[in-house]
Amino acid sequence: MVQAQNLQDSAYLNTVASVTIAPIGQGEELSTYVAQAVKVIRDSGLSNETNAMSTVIEGDLSEVMQIVEKATRALAEQGYRTEVSLKLDIRQGKRSQIHQKVELINKILQ
């Protein structure tokens, strides 16, 4: 059983992604469109946090990429020209980085 867990962990590529998905040419206020993409991300079950500029997602690389595609399709398949900004931090052997990175910064600032 331990050997199976080690194989599973070696295949897991922890990914923290910062993603912004929005339609182009739909006016000044995009919240109703962005909310559709964010809903897909939140419904995914992956760890995530949304702020004023992007949504951060954490999971295995393949899972994160699938959710980014699904969230993009939520807008693009409605006919909207859709812009996606994506930044990835991939670290094998790590987990829970979405919270641990912030905790480390807060600890340093104390």
PDB file of N, CA and C in Angstrom:
ATOM      1  N   MET A   1       0.825  -1.201   0.000  1.00  0.00           N
ATOM      2  CA  MET A   1       0.000   0.000   0.000  1.00  0.00           C
ATOM      3  C   MET A   1       0.866   1.260   0.000  1.00  0.00           C
ATOM      4  N   VAL A   2       1.962   1.261   0.760  1.00  0.00           N
ATOM      5  CA  VAL A   2       2.853   2.413   0.798  1.00  0.00           C
ATOM      6  C   VAL A   2       3.476   2.645  -0.572  1.00  0.00           C
ATOM      7  N   GLN A   3       3.846   1.551  -1.272  1.00  0.00           N
ATOM      8  CA  GLN A   3       4.430   1.678  -2.606  1.00  0.00           C
ATOM      9  C   GLN A   3       3.427   2.319  -3.572  1.00  0.00           C
ATOM     10  N   ALA A   4       2.160   1.930  -3.492  1.00  0.00           N
ATOM     11  CA  ALA A   4       1.126   2.522  -4.350  1.00  0.00           C
ATOM     12  C   ALA A   4       0.976   4.008  -4.059  1.00  0.00           C
ATOM     13  N   GLN A   5       1.043   4.397  -2.782  1.00  0.00           N
ATOM     14  CA  GLN A   5       0.943   5.810  -2.406  1.00  0.00           C
ATOM     15  C   GLN A   5       2.125   6.597  -2.964  1.00  0.00           C
ATOM     16  N   ASN A   6       3.337   6.019  -2.881  1.00  0.00           N
ATOM     17  CA  ASN A   6       4.518   6.697  -3.411  1.00  0.00           C
ATOM     18  C   ASN A   6       4.409   6.901  -4.916  1.00  0.00           C
ATOM     19  N   LEU A   7       3.892   5.899  -5.646  1.00  0.00           N
ATOM     20  CA  LEU A   7       3.695   6.040  -7.081  1.00  0.00           C
ATOM     21  C   LEU A   7       2.685   7.135  -7.376  1.00  0.00           C
ATOM     22  N   GLN A   8       1.620   7.164  -6.571  1.00  0.00           N
ATOM     23  CA  GLN A   8       0.589   8.179  -6.759  1.00  0.00           C
ATOM     24  C   GLN A   8       1.168   9.570  -6.501  1.00  0.00           C
ATOM     25  N   ASP A   9       1.966   9.727  -5.435  1.00  0.00           N
ATOM     26  CA  ASP A   9       2.560  11.019  -5.107  1.00  0.00           C
ATOM     27  C   ASP A   9       3.559  11.463  -6.168  1.00  0.00           C
ATOM     28  N   SER A  10       4.325  10.508  -6.749  1.00  0.00           N
ATOM     29  CA  SER A  10       5.316  10.892  -7.752  1.00  0.00           C
ATOM     30  C   SER A  10       4.637  11.372  -9.040  1.00  0.00           C
ATOM     31  N   ALA A  11       3.429  10.921  -9.294  1.00  0.00           N
ATOM     32  CA  ALA A  11       2.696  11.367 -10.485  1.00  0.00           C
ATOM     33  C   ALA A  11       1.975  12.693 -10.244  1.00  0.00           C
ATOM     34  N   TYR A  12       1.778  13.061  -8.993  1.00  0.00           N
ATOM     35  CA  TYR A  12       1.047  14.274  -8.631  1.00  0.00           C
ATOM     36  C   TYR A  12       1.960  15.487  -8.786  1.00  0.00           C
ATOM     37  N   LEU A  13       1.548  16.445  -9.586  1.00  0.00           N
ATOM     38  CA  LEU A  13       2.284  17.698  -9.734  1.00  0.00           C
ATOM     39  C   LEU A  13       1.438  18.818  -9.157  1.00  0.00           C
ATOM     40  N   ASN A  14       1.747  19.194  -7.922  1.00  0.00           N
ATOM     41  CA  ASN A  14       0.974  20.244  -7.275  1.00  0.00           C
ATOM     42  C   ASN A  14       1.088  21.530  -8.086  1.00  0.00           C
ATOM     43  N   THR A  15      -0.055  22.102  -8.387  1.00  0.00           N
ATOM     44  CA  THR A  15      -0.112  23.295  -9.210  1.00  0.00           C
ATOM     45  C   THR A  15      -0.957  24.362  -8.531  1.00  0.00           C
ATOM     46  N   VAL A  16      -0.372  25.523  -8.354  1.00  0.00           N
ATOM     47  CA  VAL A  16      -1.117  26.698  -7.916  1.00  0.00           C
ATOM     48  C   VAL A  16      -1.235  27.581  -9.148  1.00  0.00           C
ATOM     49  N   ALA A  17      -2.459  27.850  -9.545  1.00  0.00           N
ATOM     50  CA  ALA A  17      -2.717  28.623 -10.755  1.00  0.00           C
ATOM     51  C   ALA A  17      -3.449  29.908 -10.411  1.00  0.00           C
ATOM     52  N   SER A  18      -3.008  30.984 -11.021  1.00  0.00           N
ATOM     53  CA  SER A  18      -3.728  32.249 -10.956  1.00  0.00           C
ATOM     54  C   SER A  18      -4.355  32.438 -12.327  1.00  0.00           C
ATOM     55  N   VAL A  19      -5.679  32.526 -12.373  1.00  0.00           N
ATOM     56  CA  VAL A  19      -6.371  32.595 -13.660  1.00  0.00           C
ATOM     57  C   VAL A  19      -7.379  33.738 -13.665  1.00  0.00           C
ATOM     58  N   THR A  20      -7.419  34.431 -14.786  1.00  0.00           N
ATOM     59  CA  THR A  20      -8.421  35.458 -15.036  1.00  0.00           C
ATOM     60  C   THR A  20      -9.092  35.109 -16.358  1.00  0.00           C
ATOM     61  N   ILE A  21     -10.401  34.969 -16.332  1.00  0.00           N
ATOM     62  CA  ILE A  21     -11.168  34.616 -17.526  1.00  0.00           C
ATOM     63  C   ILE A  21     -12.269  35.649 -17.699  1.00  0.00           C
ATOM     64  N   ALA A  22     -12.281  36.315 -18.845  1.00  0.00           N
ATOM     65  CA  ALA A  22     -13.283  37.355 -19.080  1.00  0.00           C
ATOM     66  C   ALA A  22     -13.539  37.518 -20.570  1.00  0.00           C
ATOM     67  N   PRO A  23     -14.759  37.919 -20.922  1.00  0.00           N
ATOM     68  CA  PRO A  23     -15.049  38.164 -22.337  1.00  0.00           C
ATOM     69  C   PRO A  23     -14.471  39.504 -22.769  1.00  0.00           C
ATOM     70  N   ILE A  24     -14.223  39.621 -24.055  1.00  0.00           N
ATOM     71  CA  ILE A  24     -13.737  40.874 -24.629  1.00  0.00           C
ATOM     72  C   ILE A  24     -14.905  41.546 -25.353  1.00  0.00           C
ATOM     73  N   GLY A  25     -14.997  42.867 -25.208  1.00  0.00           N
ATOM     74  CA  GLY A  25     -15.995  43.624 -25.960  1.00  0.00           C
ATOM     75  C   GLY A  25     -17.387  43.595 -25.373  1.00  0.00           C
ATOM     76  N   GLN A  26     -17.501  43.322 -24.088  1.00  0.00           N
ATOM     77  CA  GLN A  26     -18.822  43.243 -23.456  1.00  0.00           C
ATOM     78  C   GLN A  26     -19.092  44.409 -22.507  1.00  0.00           C
ATOM     79  N   GLY A  27     -18.360  45.480 -22.676  1.00  0.00           N
ATOM     80  CA  GLY A  27     -18.612  46.662 -21.855  1.00  0.00           C
ATOM     81  C   GLY A  27     -17.643  46.796 -20.708  1.00  0.00           C
ATOM     82  N   GLU A  28     -17.957  47.750 -19.847  1.00  0.00           N
ATOM     83  CA  GLU A  28     -17.070  48.092 -18.740  1.00  0.00           C
ATOM     84  C   GLU A  28     -17.201  47.134 -17.554  1.00  0.00           C
ATOM     85  N   GLU A  29     -18.396  46.698 -17.233  1.00  0.00           N
ATOM     86  CA  GLU A  29     -18.628  45.839 -16.062  1.00  0.00           C
ATOM     87  C   GLU A  29     -18.764  44.386 -16.511  1.00  0.00           C
ATOM     88  N   LEU A  30     -17.851  43.546 -16.056  1.00  0.00           N
ATOM     89  CA  LEU A  30     -17.798  42.158 -16.504  1.00  0.00           C
ATOM     90  C   LEU A  30     -18.162  41.142 -15.422  1.00  0.00           C
ATOM     91  N   SER A  31     -18.599  41.616 -14.264  1.00  0.00           N
ATOM     92  CA  SER A  31     -18.840  40.725 -13.122  1.00  0.00           C
ATOM     93  C   SER A  31     -19.794  39.576 -13.417  1.00  0.00           C
ATOM     94  N   THR A  32     -20.862  39.816 -14.151  1.00  0.00           N
ATOM     95  CA  THR A  32     -21.820  38.737 -14.418  1.00  0.00           C
ATOM     96  C   THR A  32     -21.203  37.650 -15.288  1.00  0.00           C
ATOM     97  N   TYR A  33     -20.292  38.037 -16.169  1.00  0.00           N
ATOM     98  CA  TYR A  33     -19.606  37.060 -17.016  1.00  0.00           C
ATOM     99  C   TYR A  33     -18.545  36.302 -16.210  1.00  0.00           C
ATOM    100  N   VAL A  34     -17.742  37.056 -15.466  1.00  0.00           N
ATOM    101  CA  VAL A  34     -16.683  36.457 -14.655  1.00  0.00           C
ATOM    102  C   VAL A  34     -17.277  35.483 -13.641  1.00  0.00           C
ATOM    103  N   ALA A  35     -18.421  35.828 -13.084  1.00  0.00           N
ATOM    104  CA  ALA A  35     -19.074  34.953 -12.104  1.00  0.00           C
ATOM    105  C   ALA A  35     -19.383  33.574 -12.685  1.00  0.00           C
ATOM    106  N   GLN A  36     -19.683  33.511 -13.964  1.00  0.00           N
ATOM    107  CA  GLN A  36     -19.961  32.218 -14.603  1.00  0.00           C
ATOM    108  C   GLN A  36     -18.713  31.332 -14.595  1.00  0.00           C
ATOM    109  N   ALA A  37     -17.563  31.923 -14.892  1.00  0.00           N
ATOM    110  CA  ALA A  37     -16.302  31.167 -14.870  1.00  0.00           C
ATOM    111  C   ALA A  37     -15.924  30.783 -13.439  1.00  0.00           C
ATOM    112  N   VAL A  38     -16.097  31.703 -12.510  1.00  0.00           N
ATOM    113  CA  VAL A  38     -15.768  31.429 -11.105  1.00  0.00           C
ATOM    114  C   VAL A  38     -16.652  30.311 -10.552  1.00  0.00           C
ATOM    115  N   LYS A  39     -17.919  30.273 -10.936  1.00  0.00           N
ATOM    116  CA  LYS A  39     -18.816  29.210 -10.476  1.00  0.00           C
ATOM    117  C   LYS A  39     -18.290  27.833 -10.887  1.00  0.00           C
ATOM    118  N   VAL A  40     -17.813  27.721 -12.114  1.00  0.00           N
ATOM    119  CA  VAL A  40     -17.247  26.443 -12.582  1.00  0.00           C
ATOM    120  C   VAL A  40     -16.066  26.043 -11.701  1.00  0.00           C
ATOM    121  N   ILE A  41     -15.205  27.008 -11.395  1.00  0.00           N
ATOM    122  CA  ILE A  41     -14.031  26.735 -10.565  1.00  0.00           C
ATOM    123  C   ILE A  41     -14.454  26.325  -9.158  1.00  0.00           C
ATOM    124  N   ARG A  42     -15.378  27.059  -8.563  1.00  0.00           N
ATOM    125  CA  ARG A  42     -15.827  26.734  -7.207  1.00  0.00           C
ATOM    126  C   ARG A  42     -16.529  25.381  -7.147  1.00  0.00           C
ATOM    127  N   ASP A  43     -17.282  25.050  -8.175  1.00  0.00           N
ATOM    128  CA  ASP A  43     -17.988  23.764  -8.210  1.00  0.00           C
ATOM    129  C   ASP A  43     -17.051  22.579  -8.453  1.00  0.00           C
ATOM    130  N   SER A  44     -15.804  22.849  -8.815  1.00  0.00           N
ATOM    131  CA  SER A  44     -14.859  21.784  -9.159  1.00  0.00           C
ATOM    132  C   SER A  44     -14.418  20.954  -7.961  1.00  0.00           C
ATOM    133  N   GLY A  45     -14.488  21.539  -6.773  1.00  0.00           N
ATOM    134  CA  GLY A  45     -14.004  20.842  -5.584  1.00  0.00           C
ATOM    135  C   GLY A  45     -12.528  21.094  -5.305  1.00  0.00           C
ATOM    136  N   LEU A  46     -11.826  21.738  -6.233  1.00  0.00           N
ATOM    137  CA  LEU A  46     -10.430  22.077  -5.981  1.00  0.00           C
ATOM    138  C   LEU A  46     -10.369  23.279  -5.042  1.00  0.00           C
ATOM    139  N   SER A  47      -9.310  23.353  -4.279  1.00  0.00           N
ATOM    140  CA  SER A  47      -9.093  24.481  -3.392  1.00  0.00           C
ATOM    141  C   SER A  47      -8.971  25.741  -4.248  1.00  0.00           C
ATOM    142  N   ASN A  48      -9.673  26.813  -3.878  1.00  0.00           N
ATOM    143  CA  ASN A  48      -9.628  28.040  -4.673  1.00  0.00           C
ATOM    144  C   ASN A  48      -9.974  29.254  -3.835  1.00  0.00           C
ATOM    145  N   GLU A  49      -9.504  30.393  -4.298  1.00  0.00           N
ATOM    146  CA  GLU A  49      -9.800  31.682  -3.669  1.00  0.00           C
ATOM    147  C   GLU A  49      -9.935  32.722  -4.778  1.00  0.00           C
ATOM    148  N   THR A  50     -10.951  33.562  -4.683  1.00  0.00           N
ATOM    149  CA  THR A  50     -11.155  34.619  -5.668  1.00  0.00           C
ATOM    150  C   THR A  50     -10.875  35.962  -5.018  1.00  0.00           C
ATOM    151  N   ASN A  51     -10.143  36.814  -5.732  1.00  0.00           N
ATOM    152  CA  ASN A  51      -9.914  38.176  -5.258  1.00  0.00           C
ATOM    153  C   ASN A  51     -10.307  39.145  -6.374  1.00  0.00           C
ATOM    154  N   ALA A  52     -10.005  40.400  -6.223  1.00  0.00           N
ATOM    155  CA  ALA A  52     -10.449  41.409  -7.184  1.00  0.00           C
ATOM    156  C   ALA A  52      -9.828  41.258  -8.572  1.00  0.00           C
ATOM    157  N   MET A  53      -8.699  40.555  -8.676  1.00  0.00           N
ATOM    158  CA  MET A  53      -7.982  40.476  -9.945  1.00  0.00           C
ATOM    159  C   MET A  53      -7.964  39.092 -10.590  1.00  0.00           C
ATOM    160  N   SER A  54      -8.147  38.032  -9.793  1.00  0.00           N
ATOM    161  CA  SER A  54      -8.036  36.681 -10.349  1.00  0.00           C
ATOM    162  C   SER A  54      -8.615  35.661  -9.378  1.00  0.00           C
ATOM    163  N   THR A  55      -8.612  34.419  -9.829  1.00  0.00           N
ATOM    164  CA  THR A  55      -8.961  33.305  -8.960  1.00  0.00           C
ATOM    165  C   THR A  55      -7.746  32.389  -8.905  1.00  0.00           C
ATOM    166  N   VAL A  56      -7.386  31.978  -7.696  1.00  0.00           N
ATOM    167  CA  VAL A  56      -6.270  31.063  -7.486  1.00  0.00           C
ATOM    168  C   VAL A  56      -6.858  29.678  -7.250  1.00  0.00           C
ATOM    169  N   ILE A  57      -6.299  28.686  -7.947  1.00  0.00           N
ATOM    170  CA  ILE A  57      -6.774  27.302  -7.863  1.00  0.00           C
ATOM    171  C   ILE A  57      -5.578  26.430  -7.515  1.00  0.00           C
ATOM    172  N   GLU A  58      -5.797  25.383  -6.713  1.00  0.00           N
ATOM    173  CA  GLU A  58      -4.722  24.443  -6.413  1.00  0.00           C
ATOM    174  C   GLU A  58      -5.191  23.015  -6.608  1.00  0.00           C
ATOM    175  N   GLY A  59      -4.338  22.213  -7.227  1.00  0.00           N
ATOM    176  CA  GLY A  59      -4.607  20.795  -7.424  1.00  0.00           C
ATOM    177  C   GLY A  59      -3.533  20.198  -8.308  1.00  0.00           C
ATOM    178  N   ASP A  60      -3.753  18.973  -8.753  1.00  0.00           N
ATOM    179  CA  ASP A  60      -2.831  18.350  -9.684  1.00  0.00           C
ATOM    180  C   ASP A  60      -2.888  19.102 -11.013  1.00  0.00           C
ATOM    181  N   LEU A  61      -1.758  19.178 -11.709  1.00  0.00           N
ATOM    182  CA  LEU A  61      -1.673  19.920 -12.963  1.00  0.00           C
ATOM    183  C   LEU A  61      -2.798  19.572 -13.925  1.00  0.00           C
ATOM    184  N   SER A  62      -3.063  18.292 -14.123  1.00  0.00           N
ATOM    185  CA  SER A  62      -4.105  17.899 -15.086  1.00  0.00           C
ATOM    186  C   SER A  62      -5.487  18.353 -14.637  1.00  0.00           C
ATOM    187  N   GLU A  63      -5.760  18.279 -13.339  1.00  0.00           N
ATOM    188  CA  GLU A  63      -7.064  18.733 -12.828  1.00  0.00           C
ATOM    189  C   GLU A  63      -7.229  20.236 -12.992  1.00  0.00           C
ATOM    190  N   VAL A  64      -6.187  20.976 -12.662  1.00  0.00           N
ATOM    191  CA  VAL A  64      -6.239  22.438 -12.777  1.00  0.00           C
ATOM    192  C   VAL A  64      -6.480  22.846 -14.227  1.00  0.00           C
ATOM    193  N   MET A  65      -5.760  22.224 -15.144  1.00  0.00           N
ATOM    194  CA  MET A  65      -5.906  22.579 -16.553  1.00  0.00           C
ATOM    195  C   MET A  65      -7.305  22.226 -17.074  1.00  0.00           C
ATOM    196  N   GLN A  66      -7.855  21.112 -16.614  1.00  0.00           N
ATOM    197  CA  GLN A  66      -9.217  20.735 -17.021  1.00  0.00           C
ATOM    198  C   GLN A  66     -10.232  21.766 -16.546  1.00  0.00           C
ATOM    199  N   ILE A  67     -10.071  22.246 -15.321  1.00  0.00           N
ATOM    200  CA  ILE A  67     -11.010  23.228 -14.768  1.00  0.00           C
ATOM    201  C   ILE A  67     -10.854  24.577 -15.467  1.00  0.00           C
ATOM    202  N   VAL A  68      -9.622  24.973 -15.778  1.00  0.00           N
ATOM    203  CA  VAL A  68      -9.412  26.221 -16.513  1.00  0.00           C
ATOM    204  C   VAL A  68     -10.099  26.132 -17.877  1.00  0.00           C
ATOM    205  N   GLU A  69      -9.963  24.996 -18.539  1.00  0.00           N
ATOM    206  CA  GLU A  69     -10.630  24.828 -19.838  1.00  0.00           C
ATOM    207  C   GLU A  69     -12.154  24.867 -19.683  1.00  0.00           C
ATOM    208  N   LYS A  70     -12.666  24.177 -18.686  1.00  0.00           N
ATOM    209  CA  LYS A  70     -14.119  24.140 -18.478  1.00  0.00           C
ATOM    210  C   LYS A  70     -14.660  25.540 -18.163  1.00  0.00           C
ATOM    211  N   ALA A  71     -13.940  26.287 -17.334  1.00  0.00           N
ATOM    212  CA  ALA A  71     -14.361  27.654 -16.984  1.00  0.00           C
ATOM    213  C   ALA A  71     -14.295  28.574 -18.203  1.00  0.00           C
ATOM    214  N   THR A  72     -13.291  28.381 -19.041  1.00  0.00           N
ATOM    215  CA  THR A  72     -13.173  29.166 -20.265  1.00  0.00           C
ATOM    216  C   THR A  72     -14.331  28.854 -21.204  1.00  0.00           C
ATOM    217  N   ARG A  73     -14.655  27.584 -21.341  1.00  0.00           N
ATOM    218  CA  ARG A  73     -15.754  27.168 -22.215  1.00  0.00           C
ATOM    219  C   ARG A  73     -17.102  27.726 -21.752  1.00  0.00           C
ATOM    220  N   ALA A  74     -17.243  27.967 -20.444  1.00  0.00           N
ATOM    221  CA  ALA A  74     -18.497  28.522 -19.927  1.00  0.00           C
ATOM    222  C   ALA A  74     -18.833  29.840 -20.625  1.00  0.00           C
ATOM    223  N   LEU A  75     -17.817  30.606 -21.000  1.00  0.00           N
ATOM    224  CA  LEU A  75     -18.037  31.861 -21.722  1.00  0.00           C
ATOM    225  C   LEU A  75     -17.895  31.687 -23.233  1.00  0.00           C
ATOM    226  N   ALA A  76     -16.829  31.021 -23.649  1.00  0.00           N
ATOM    227  CA  ALA A  76     -16.530  30.910 -25.084  1.00  0.00           C
ATOM    228  C   ALA A  76     -17.627  30.187 -25.854  1.00  0.00           C
ATOM    229  N   GLU A  77     -18.239  29.184 -25.243  1.00  0.00           N
ATOM    230  CA  GLU A  77     -19.289  28.440 -25.933  1.00  0.00           C
ATOM    231  C   GLU A  77     -20.601  29.211 -26.040  1.00  0.00           C
ATOM    232  N   GLN A  78     -20.678  30.366 -25.371  1.00  0.00           N
ATOM    233  CA  GLN A  78     -21.832  31.251 -25.536  1.00  0.00           C
ATOM    234  C   GLN A  78     -21.585  32.243 -26.688  1.00  0.00           C
ATOM    235  N   GLY A  79     -20.428  32.129 -27.316  1.00  0.00           N
ATOM    236  CA  GLY A  79     -20.106  32.987 -28.443  1.00  0.00           C
ATOM    237  C   GLY A  79     -19.260  34.191 -28.096  1.00  0.00           C
ATOM    238  N   TYR A  80     -18.865  34.337 -26.830  1.00  0.00           N
ATOM    239  CA  TYR A  80     -18.046  35.474 -26.426  1.00  0.00           C
ATOM    240  C   TYR A  80     -16.584  35.224 -26.794  1.00  0.00           C
ATOM    241  N   ARG A  81     -15.948  36.231 -27.358  1.00  0.00           N
ATOM    242  CA  ARG A  81     -14.494  36.164 -27.508  1.00  0.00           C
ATOM    243  C   ARG A  81     -13.953  36.261 -26.089  1.00  0.00           C
ATOM    244  N   THR A  82     -13.165  35.272 -25.687  1.00  0.00           N
ATOM    245  CA  THR A  82     -12.789  35.137 -24.279  1.00  0.00           C
ATOM    246  C   THR A  82     -11.277  35.237 -24.114  1.00  0.00           C
ATOM    247  N   GLU A  83     -10.867  36.083 -23.184  1.00  0.00           N
ATOM    248  CA  GLU A  83      -9.453  36.257 -22.866  1.00  0.00           C
ATOM    249  C   GLU A  83      -9.134  35.510 -21.576  1.00  0.00           C
ATOM    250  N   VAL A  84      -8.033  34.776 -21.590  1.00  0.00           N
ATOM    251  CA  VAL A  84      -7.603  34.025 -20.411  1.00  0.00           C
ATOM    252  C   VAL A  84      -6.165  34.408 -20.090  1.00  0.00           C
ATOM    253  N   SER A  85      -5.944  34.785 -18.847  1.00  0.00           N
ATOM    254  CA  SER A  85      -4.599  35.032 -18.345  1.00  0.00           C
ATOM    255  C   SER A  85      -4.330  33.944 -17.310  1.00  0.00           C
ATOM    256  N   LEU A  86      -3.226  33.216 -17.496  1.00  0.00           N
ATOM    257  CA  LEU A  86      -2.949  32.059 -16.646  1.00  0.00           C
ATOM    258  C   LEU A  86      -1.489  32.054 -16.223  1.00  0.00           C
ATOM    259  N   LYS A  87      -1.260  31.899 -14.931  1.00  0.00           N
ATOM    260  CA  LYS A  87       0.090  31.782 -14.388  1.00  0.00           C
ATOM    261  C   LYS A  87       0.110  30.543 -13.506  1.00  0.00           C
ATOM    262  N   LEU A  88       1.122  29.672 -13.690  1.00  0.00           N
ATOM    263  CA  LEU A  88       1.196  28.409 -12.963  1.00  0.00           C
ATOM    264  C   LEU A  88       2.470  28.325 -12.136  1.00  0.00           C
ATOM    265  N   ASP A  89       2.345  27.802 -10.928  1.00  0.00           N
ATOM    266  CA  ASP A  89       3.489  27.462 -10.071  1.00  0.00           C
ATOM    267  C   ASP A  89       3.367  25.970  -9.805  1.00  0.00           C
ATOM    268  N   ILE A  90       4.270  25.170 -10.370  1.00  0.00           N
ATOM    269  CA  ILE A  90       4.178  23.714 -10.301  1.00  0.00           C
ATOM    270  C   ILE A  90       5.334  23.187  -9.462  1.00  0.00           C
ATOM    271  N   ARG A  91       5.000  22.428  -8.397  1.00  0.00           N
ATOM    272  CA  ARG A  91       6.025  21.897  -7.500  1.00  0.00           C
ATOM    273  C   ARG A  91       5.681  20.464  -7.112  1.00  0.00           C
ATOM    274  N   GLN A  92       6.459  19.539  -7.602  1.00  0.00           N
ATOM    275  CA  GLN A  92       6.258  18.139  -7.253  1.00  0.00           C
ATOM    276  C   GLN A  92       6.550  17.944  -5.769  1.00  0.00           C
ATOM    277  N   GLY A  93       5.752  17.105  -5.134  1.00  0.00           N
ATOM    278  CA  GLY A  93       5.979  16.780  -3.734  1.00  0.00           C
ATOM    279  C   GLY A  93       5.398  17.771  -2.744  1.00  0.00           C
ATOM    280  N   LYS A  94       4.698  18.778  -3.201  1.00  0.00           N
ATOM    281  CA  LYS A  94       4.089  19.772  -2.318  1.00  0.00           C
ATOM    282  C   LYS A  94       2.575  19.644  -2.379  1.00  0.00           C
ATOM    283  N   ARG A  95       1.920  20.125  -1.342  1.00  0.00           N
ATOM    284  CA  ARG A  95       0.460  20.215  -1.284  1.00  0.00           C
ATOM    285  C   ARG A  95       0.099  21.396  -0.387  1.00  0.00           C
ATOM    286  N   SER A  96      -1.107  21.878  -0.506  1.00  0.00           N
ATOM    287  CA  SER A  96      -1.639  22.968   0.336  1.00  0.00           C
ATOM    288  C   SER A  96      -0.819  24.254   0.242  1.00  0.00           C
ATOM    289  N   GLN A  97      -0.220  24.501  -0.892  1.00  0.00           N
ATOM    290  CA  GLN A  97       0.582  25.710  -1.069  1.00  0.00           C
ATOM    291  C   GLN A  97      -0.271  26.968  -1.139  1.00  0.00           C
ATOM    292  N   ILE A  98      -1.524  26.847  -1.532  1.00  0.00           N
ATOM    293  CA  ILE A  98      -2.408  28.001  -1.642  1.00  0.00           C
ATOM    294  C   ILE A  98      -2.513  28.739  -0.297  1.00  0.00           C
ATOM    295  N   HIS A  99      -2.412  28.000   0.801  1.00  0.00           N
ATOM    296  CA  HIS A  99      -2.500  28.602   2.133  1.00  0.00           C
ATOM    297  C   HIS A  99      -1.116  28.742   2.780  1.00  0.00           C
ATOM    298  N   GLN A 100      -0.252  27.768   2.577  1.00  0.00           N
ATOM    299  CA  GLN A 100       1.060  27.790   3.234  1.00  0.00           C
ATOM    300  C   GLN A 100       1.918  28.956   2.774  1.00  0.00           C
ATOM    301  N   LYS A 101       1.818  29.351   1.516  1.00  0.00           N
ATOM    302  CA  LYS A 101       2.605  30.486   1.021  1.00  0.00           C
ATOM    303  C   LYS A 101       2.201  31.768   1.742  1.00  0.00           C
ATOM    304  N   VAL A 102       0.913  31.964   1.909  1.00  0.00           N
ATOM    305  CA  VAL A 102       0.414  33.166   2.590  1.00  0.00           C
ATOM    306  C   VAL A 102       0.799  33.126   4.065  1.00  0.00           C
ATOM    307  N   GLU A 103       0.687  31.954   4.690  1.00  0.00           N
ATOM    308  CA  GLU A 103       1.066  31.826   6.106  1.00  0.00           C
ATOM    309  C   GLU A 103       2.534  32.156   6.328  1.00  0.00           C
ATOM    310  N   LEU A 104       3.400  31.721   5.413  1.00  0.00           N
ATOM    311  CA  LEU A 104       4.828  31.999   5.538  1.00  0.00           C
ATOM    312  C   LEU A 104       5.088  33.501   5.432  1.00  0.00           C
ATOM    313  N   ILE A 105       4.458  34.173   4.494  1.00  0.00           N
ATOM    314  CA  ILE A 105       4.634  35.636   4.365  1.00  0.00           C
ATOM    315  C   ILE A 105       4.153  36.324   5.640  1.00  0.00           C
ATOM    316  N   ASN A 106       2.982  35.916   6.152  1.00  0.00           N
ATOM    317  CA  ASN A 106       2.464  36.532   7.383  1.00  0.00           C
ATOM    318  C   ASN A 106       3.392  36.300   8.559  1.00  0.00           C
ATOM    319  N   LYS A 107       3.991  35.131   8.640  1.00  0.00           N
ATOM    320  CA  LYS A 107       4.922  34.822   9.721  1.00  0.00           C
ATOM    321  C   LYS A 107       6.159  35.715   9.624  1.00  0.00           C
ATOM    322  N   ILE A 108       6.679  35.902   8.427  1.00  0.00           N
ATOM    323  CA  ILE A 108       7.839  36.751   8.225  1.00  0.00           C
ATOM    324  C   ILE A 108       7.532  38.203   8.607  1.00  0.00           C
ATOM    325  N   LEU A 109       6.318  38.648   8.334  1.00  0.00           N
ATOM    326  CA  LEU A 109       5.935  40.035   8.602  1.00  0.00           C
ATOM    327  C   LEU A 109       5.632  40.319  10.081  1.00  0.00           C
ATOM    328  N   GLN A 110       5.526  39.298  10.888  1.00  0.00           N
ATOM    329  CA  GLN A 110       5.203  39.517  12.311  1.00  0.00           C
ATOM    330  C   GLN A 110       6.362  40.110  13.061  1.00  0.00           C
TER     331      GLN A 110
END
